[in-house]
C-alpha cells in the first residue's frame, strides 16, 4: 500500500492543476495558429482552379503556335527539296519567323501562368504545412494531458485496491485473534399458567361460637342454594313455602332466647 501511495502522489504531482493548465494553454495557442493557417490555406487555394484553367489555355495556345511553326518549317524543307523559287522560299521563311515569334509569345504566357499557379500552390502548401505542424503540437499536447490523467486514474484505482486489500486482511486477522464471545445460558421462565396454591381457610369455630351459623340458617341457605341451582327463573310455591317456614323457625328461636334472658 505504501508503494501505491507513493505512485499516487507522483501521479498527482505530474497531473497537478498548474501543469495541466500549462498544457492546456499550449494546446489553445497552437489551436489558434492552426485555425489561422487553415483559413489562409483555404483563401489561397480558392483561385487555384481558375489559375489552372489559365495554364491549360496558355498551354493550348503554345501547342498551336508550336505546331504552326513546325508545319511551316516542314513546308520550307519540302520547297527547298523540290527546287522552289526564291520568292516561295523567302515567303515561307517569313511565315516561319512570324510563327516562331507567336510561339515564343505563347510560351512566355504559358510560363507566366505556370509560375503564378506554382507560386499560389506553394503558398497553399506553406499554410497547409504550418497547419499540420500546429495540428501535431495540438495532438501531442492532448495525448500528454490524457496520458497524465490516465496515469492518475490508474494510480488512484491501484491505491484504492491496496487499501481495500489491507482492510480485508486486517479484518480477517482481527477475526482470528479475537476470543469467541459465549452467549449466557437462558433461564427457563416459569409457566405463566402455574398459579400458586390457594391458602387454606381456617376452619370455622365450633357451633357454639358467635360466628357459627344456626341450624335454621344453614337449612335456609341450603334450601336457597338448591333453588338457585335449579336454574328456574320463577320458583314454585312449594319452594317459597319452604323458605318461609325456615324463616319462621329462625324467628321463633330468637323469641325464646329473648324471653329466657329476661
Protein backbone atom coordinates (compact mmCIF):
# COMPACT_ATOMS: atom_id res chain seq x y z
CA UNK A 1 0.00 0.00 0.00
CA UNK A 2 2.94 2.32 0.68
CA UNK A 3 4.20 1.86 -2.88
CA UNK A 4 0.70 2.50 -4.24
CA UNK A 5 0.50 5.70 -2.20
CA UNK A 6 3.91 6.80 -3.50
CA UNK A 7 2.80 6.22 -7.10
CA UNK A 8 -0.44 8.10 -6.45
CA UNK A 9 1.40 11.12 -5.05
CA UNK A 10 3.74 11.14 -8.07
CA UNK A 11 0.79 10.93 -10.47
CA UNK A 12 -0.99 13.76 -8.64
CA UNK A 13 2.13 15.92 -8.88
CA UNK A 14 2.55 15.20 -12.60
CA UNK A 15 -1.13 15.93 -13.27
CA UNK A 16 -1.41 18.90 -10.94
CA UNK A 17 -3.84 21.66 -11.97
CA UNK A 18 -0.94 24.04 -12.62
CA UNK A 19 0.85 21.66 -15.00
CA UNK A 20 -2.37 20.74 -16.76
CA UNK A 21 -3.12 24.45 -17.17
CA UNK A 22 0.25 24.96 -18.92
CA UNK A 23 -0.51 22.10 -21.31
CA UNK A 24 -3.98 23.48 -21.99
CA UNK A 25 -2.51 26.93 -22.72
CA UNK A 26 -0.11 25.40 -25.25
CA UNK A 27 -2.95 23.50 -26.87
CA UNK A 28 -5.04 26.67 -27.08
CA UNK A 29 -2.14 28.65 -28.62
CA UNK A 30 -1.46 26.03 -31.29
CA UNK A 31 -5.18 25.71 -31.91
CA UNK A 32 -5.30 29.44 -32.66
CA UNK A 33 -2.37 29.10 -35.07
CA UNK A 34 -3.99 26.07 -36.69
CA UNK A 35 -7.26 27.90 -37.27
CA UNK A 36 -5.44 30.91 -38.76
CA UNK A 37 -3.26 28.96 -41.21
CA UNK A 38 -6.14 26.72 -42.24
CA UNK A 39 -8.13 29.85 -43.08
CA UNK A 40 -5.21 31.26 -45.08
CA UNK A 41 -4.69 27.98 -46.90
CA UNK A 42 -8.34 27.94 -47.89
CA UNK A 43 -8.10 31.54 -49.11
CA UNK A 44 -5.02 30.80 -51.25
CA UNK A 45 -6.47 27.54 -52.51
CA UNK A 46 -9.66 29.15 -53.79
CA UNK A 47 -8.16 30.69 -57.03
CA UNK A 48 -6.28 27.53 -57.96
CA UNK A 49 -8.95 26.07 -60.28
CA UNK A 50 -9.16 29.31 -62.32
CA UNK A 51 -5.38 29.63 -62.44
CA UNK A 52 -5.09 26.03 -63.58
CA UNK A 53 -7.59 26.80 -66.33
CA UNK A 54 -5.41 29.73 -67.45
CA UNK A 55 -2.41 27.44 -67.61
CA UNK A 56 -4.34 24.93 -69.67
CA UNK A 57 -5.48 27.66 -72.08
CA UNK A 58 -1.94 29.03 -72.41
CA UNK A 59 -0.66 25.55 -72.98
CA UNK A 60 -3.16 25.05 -75.79
CA UNK A 61 -2.13 28.32 -77.47
CA UNK A 62 1.51 27.43 -77.18
CA UNK A 63 0.93 23.99 -78.63
CA UNK A 64 -0.96 25.56 -81.54
CA UNK A 65 1.81 28.09 -82.20
CA UNK A 66 4.48 25.42 -81.95
CA UNK A 67 2.61 23.18 -84.38
CA UNK A 68 2.27 26.15 -86.77
CA UNK A 69 5.99 26.77 -86.66
CA UNK A 70 6.78 23.10 -87.12
CA UNK A 71 4.39 22.91 -90.09
CA UNK A 72 5.93 25.91 -91.84
CA UNK A 73 9.39 24.52 -91.26
CA UNK A 74 8.34 21.26 -92.89
CA UNK A 75 6.93 23.16 -95.90
CA UNK A 76 10.15 25.13 -96.26
CA UNK A 77 12.24 21.99 -96.22
CA UNK A 78 10.00 20.42 -98.86
CA UNK A 79 10.11 23.56 -101.03
CA UNK A 80 13.89 23.58 -100.91
CA UNK A 81 14.00 19.90 -101.79
CA UNK A 82 11.57 20.46 -104.68
CA UNK A 83 13.64 23.37 -106.01
CA UNK A 84 11.02 26.02 -105.35
CA UNK A 85 11.63 29.58 -106.37
CA UNK A 86 13.48 32.00 -104.13
CA UNK A 87 10.31 34.04 -103.67
CA UNK A 88 8.44 30.97 -102.33
CA UNK A 89 11.31 30.10 -100.03
CA UNK A 90 11.51 33.69 -98.70
CA UNK A 91 7.74 33.72 -98.13
CA UNK A 92 7.92 30.51 -96.13
CA UNK A 93 10.89 31.78 -94.15
CA UNK A 94 8.98 34.98 -93.30
CA UNK A 95 5.96 33.00 -92.14
CA UNK A 96 8.20 30.76 -90.05
CA UNK A 97 9.75 33.78 -88.33
CA UNK A 98 6.29 35.16 -87.56
CA UNK A 99 5.16 31.75 -86.27
CA UNK A 100 8.23 31.49 -84.06
CA UNK A 101 7.51 34.91 -82.56
CA UNK A 102 3.95 33.79 -81.92
CA UNK A 103 5.18 30.58 -80.39
CA UNK A 104 7.64 32.49 -78.21
CA UNK A 105 4.87 34.82 -77.01
CA UNK A 106 2.57 31.88 -76.23
CA UNK A 107 5.43 30.17 -74.44
CA UNK A 108 6.02 33.27 -72.31
CA UNK A 109 2.32 33.46 -71.47
CA UNK A 110 2.35 29.79 -70.57
CA UNK A 111 5.37 30.18 -68.33
CA UNK A 112 3.81 33.21 -66.67
CA UNK A 113 0.59 31.33 -65.92
CA UNK A 114 2.55 28.35 -64.70
CA UNK A 115 4.70 30.49 -62.39
CA UNK A 116 1.62 32.17 -60.93
CA UNK A 117 -0.02 28.80 -60.39
CA UNK A 118 3.11 27.33 -58.83
CA UNK A 119 3.52 30.35 -56.54
CA UNK A 120 -0.09 30.07 -55.44
CA UNK A 121 0.30 26.35 -54.81
CA UNK A 122 3.48 26.97 -52.78
CA UNK A 123 1.56 29.41 -50.57
CA UNK A 124 -1.17 26.85 -50.07
CA UNK A 125 1.41 24.18 -49.28
CA UNK A 126 3.17 26.50 -46.82
CA UNK A 127 -0.04 27.21 -44.92
CA UNK A 128 -1.02 23.56 -45.03
CA UNK A 129 2.41 22.62 -43.68
CA UNK A 130 2.00 25.14 -40.84
CA UNK A 131 -1.43 23.70 -40.16
CA UNK A 132 0.00 20.18 -39.99
CA UNK A 133 2.71 21.32 -37.56
CA UNK A 134 0.16 23.10 -35.37
CA UNK A 135 -2.09 20.04 -35.50
CA UNK A 136 0.84 17.83 -34.48
CA UNK A 137 1.53 20.08 -31.47
CA UNK A 138 -2.16 20.01 -30.55
CA UNK A 139 -2.31 16.21 -30.79
CA UNK A 140 0.89 15.93 -28.76
CA UNK A 141 -0.47 18.19 -26.03
CA UNK A 142 -3.80 16.37 -25.91
CA UNK A 143 -2.04 12.99 -25.79
CA UNK A 144 0.25 14.19 -22.99
CA UNK A 145 -2.65 15.56 -20.96
CA UNK A 146 -4.73 12.41 -21.48
CA UNK A 147 -1.76 10.21 -20.52
CA UNK A 148 -1.23 12.14 -17.27
CA UNK A 149 -4.91 11.91 -16.38
CA UNK A 150 -4.96 8.22 -17.30
CA UNK A 151 -1.91 7.56 -15.11
CA UNK A 152 -3.59 9.44 -12.26
CA UNK A 153 -6.76 7.39 -12.65
CA UNK A 154 -4.81 4.12 -12.69
CA UNK A 155 -2.74 5.15 -9.66
CA UNK A 156 -5.91 6.08 -7.77
CA UNK A 157 -7.51 2.73 -8.64
CA UNK A 158 -4.37 0.84 -7.56
CA UNK A 159 -4.29 2.73 -4.26
CA UNK A 160 -7.98 2.04 -3.66
CA UNK A 161 -7.41 -1.67 -4.34
CA UNK A 162 -4.44 -1.71 -1.95
CA UNK A 163 -6.50 -0.04 0.79
CA UNK A 164 -9.33 -2.49 0.25
CA UNK A 165 -6.97 -5.47 0.42
CA UNK A 166 -5.39 -4.08 3.59
CA UNK A 167 -8.77 -3.62 5.26
CA UNK A 168 -9.86 -7.13 4.30
CA UNK A 169 -6.61 -8.64 5.61
CA UNK A 170 -6.89 -6.64 8.84
CA UNK A 171 -10.50 -7.73 9.35
CA UNK A 172 -9.52 -11.38 8.77
CA UNK A 173 -6.63 -11.10 11.26
CA UNK A 174 -8.85 -9.47 13.88
CA UNK A 175 -11.42 -12.22 13.45
CA UNK A 176 -8.79 -14.92 14.00
CA UNK A 177 -7.18 -13.33 17.09
CA UNK A 178 -10.33 -12.12 18.88
CA UNK A 179 -11.78 -14.54 21.57
CA UNK A 180 -15.16 -16.03 20.96
CA UNK A 181 -17.97 -14.39 22.90
CA UNK A 182 -20.07 -17.01 24.74
CA UNK A 183 -23.74 -16.41 24.97
CA UNK A 184 -25.28 -16.66 28.50
CA UNK A 185 -27.47 -19.68 29.18
CA UNK A 186 -31.10 -18.73 29.08
CA UNK A 187 -33.05 -19.40 32.31
CA UNK A 188 -36.31 -21.20 31.82
CA UNK A 189 -39.08 -18.92 32.88
CA UNK A 190 -41.88 -20.43 35.00
CA UNK A 191 -45.01 -21.09 33.10
CA UNK A 192 -47.50 -18.30 33.40
CA UNK A 193 -50.26 -20.87 33.74
CA UNK A 194 -48.88 -22.20 37.02
CA UNK A 195 -50.80 -20.47 39.81
CA UNK A 196 -49.77 -20.56 43.47
CA UNK A 197 -51.79 -22.88 45.61
CA UNK A 198 -54.63 -21.25 47.43
CA UNK A 199 -54.15 -20.81 51.15
CA UNK A 200 -56.49 -22.99 53.11
CA UNK A 201 -59.01 -21.01 55.07
CA UNK A 202 -59.02 -21.72 58.80
CA UNK A 203 -61.81 -23.91 59.99
CA UNK A 204 -64.81 -22.15 61.44
CA UNK A 205 -65.22 -22.07 65.15
CA UNK A 206 -67.49 -24.68 66.77
CA UNK A 207 -71.19 -24.31 66.51
CA UNK A 208 -71.25 -22.73 69.90
CA UNK A 209 -69.18 -19.72 68.70
CA UNK A 210 -70.68 -16.39 67.71
CA UNK A 211 -69.71 -16.79 64.08
CA UNK A 212 -71.21 -20.24 63.69
CA UNK A 213 -74.44 -20.07 61.75
CA UNK A 214 -77.53 -21.63 63.29
CA UNK A 215 -79.03 -24.81 62.01
CA UNK A 216 -82.03 -22.89 60.79
CA UNK A 217 -79.79 -20.52 58.86
CA UNK A 218 -77.92 -23.45 57.34
CA UNK A 219 -81.20 -25.01 56.36
CA UNK A 220 -82.38 -21.79 54.77
CA UNK A 221 -79.13 -21.38 52.92
CA UNK A 222 -79.26 -24.96 51.76
CA UNK A 223 -82.77 -24.56 50.57
CA UNK A 224 -81.93 -21.28 48.82
CA UNK A 225 -78.87 -22.85 47.20
CA UNK A 226 -80.94 -25.70 45.91
CA UNK A 227 -83.39 -23.24 44.48
CA UNK A 228 -80.60 -21.31 42.84
CA UNK A 229 -79.14 -24.46 41.34
CA UNK A 230 -82.39 -25.41 39.68
CA UNK A 231 -81.91 -22.54 37.23
CA UNK A 232 -85.66 -21.73 37.34
CA UNK A 233 -86.41 -18.05 36.96
CA UNK A 234 -89.81 -18.43 38.74
CA UNK A 235 -89.58 -20.64 41.90
CA UNK A 236 -92.53 -22.93 42.64
CA UNK A 237 -94.98 -22.41 45.52
CA UNK A 238 -93.54 -25.37 47.45
CA UNK A 239 -90.07 -23.85 47.35
CA UNK A 240 -91.36 -20.49 48.57
CA UNK A 241 -93.22 -22.19 51.41
CA UNK A 242 -90.07 -23.99 52.49
CA UNK A 243 -88.18 -20.71 52.62
CA UNK A 244 -90.96 -19.09 54.65
CA UNK A 245 -91.06 -21.98 57.12
CA UNK A 246 -87.35 -21.74 57.65
CA UNK A 247 -87.71 -18.05 58.31
CA UNK A 248 -90.46 -18.64 60.90
CA UNK A 249 -88.28 -21.18 62.66
CA UNK A 250 -85.46 -18.64 62.96
CA UNK A 251 -87.86 -16.03 64.36
CA UNK A 252 -89.34 -18.43 66.97
CA UNK A 253 -85.91 -19.43 68.20
CA UNK A 254 -84.87 -15.82 68.62
CA UNK A 255 -88.05 -15.04 70.61
CA UNK A 256 -87.45 -17.88 73.04
CA UNK A 257 -83.86 -16.77 73.65
CA UNK A 258 -85.05 -13.26 74.38
CA UNK A 259 -87.64 -14.46 76.94
CA UNK A 260 -85.16 -16.68 78.72
CA UNK A 261 -82.73 -13.85 79.07
CA UNK A 262 -85.33 -11.75 80.85
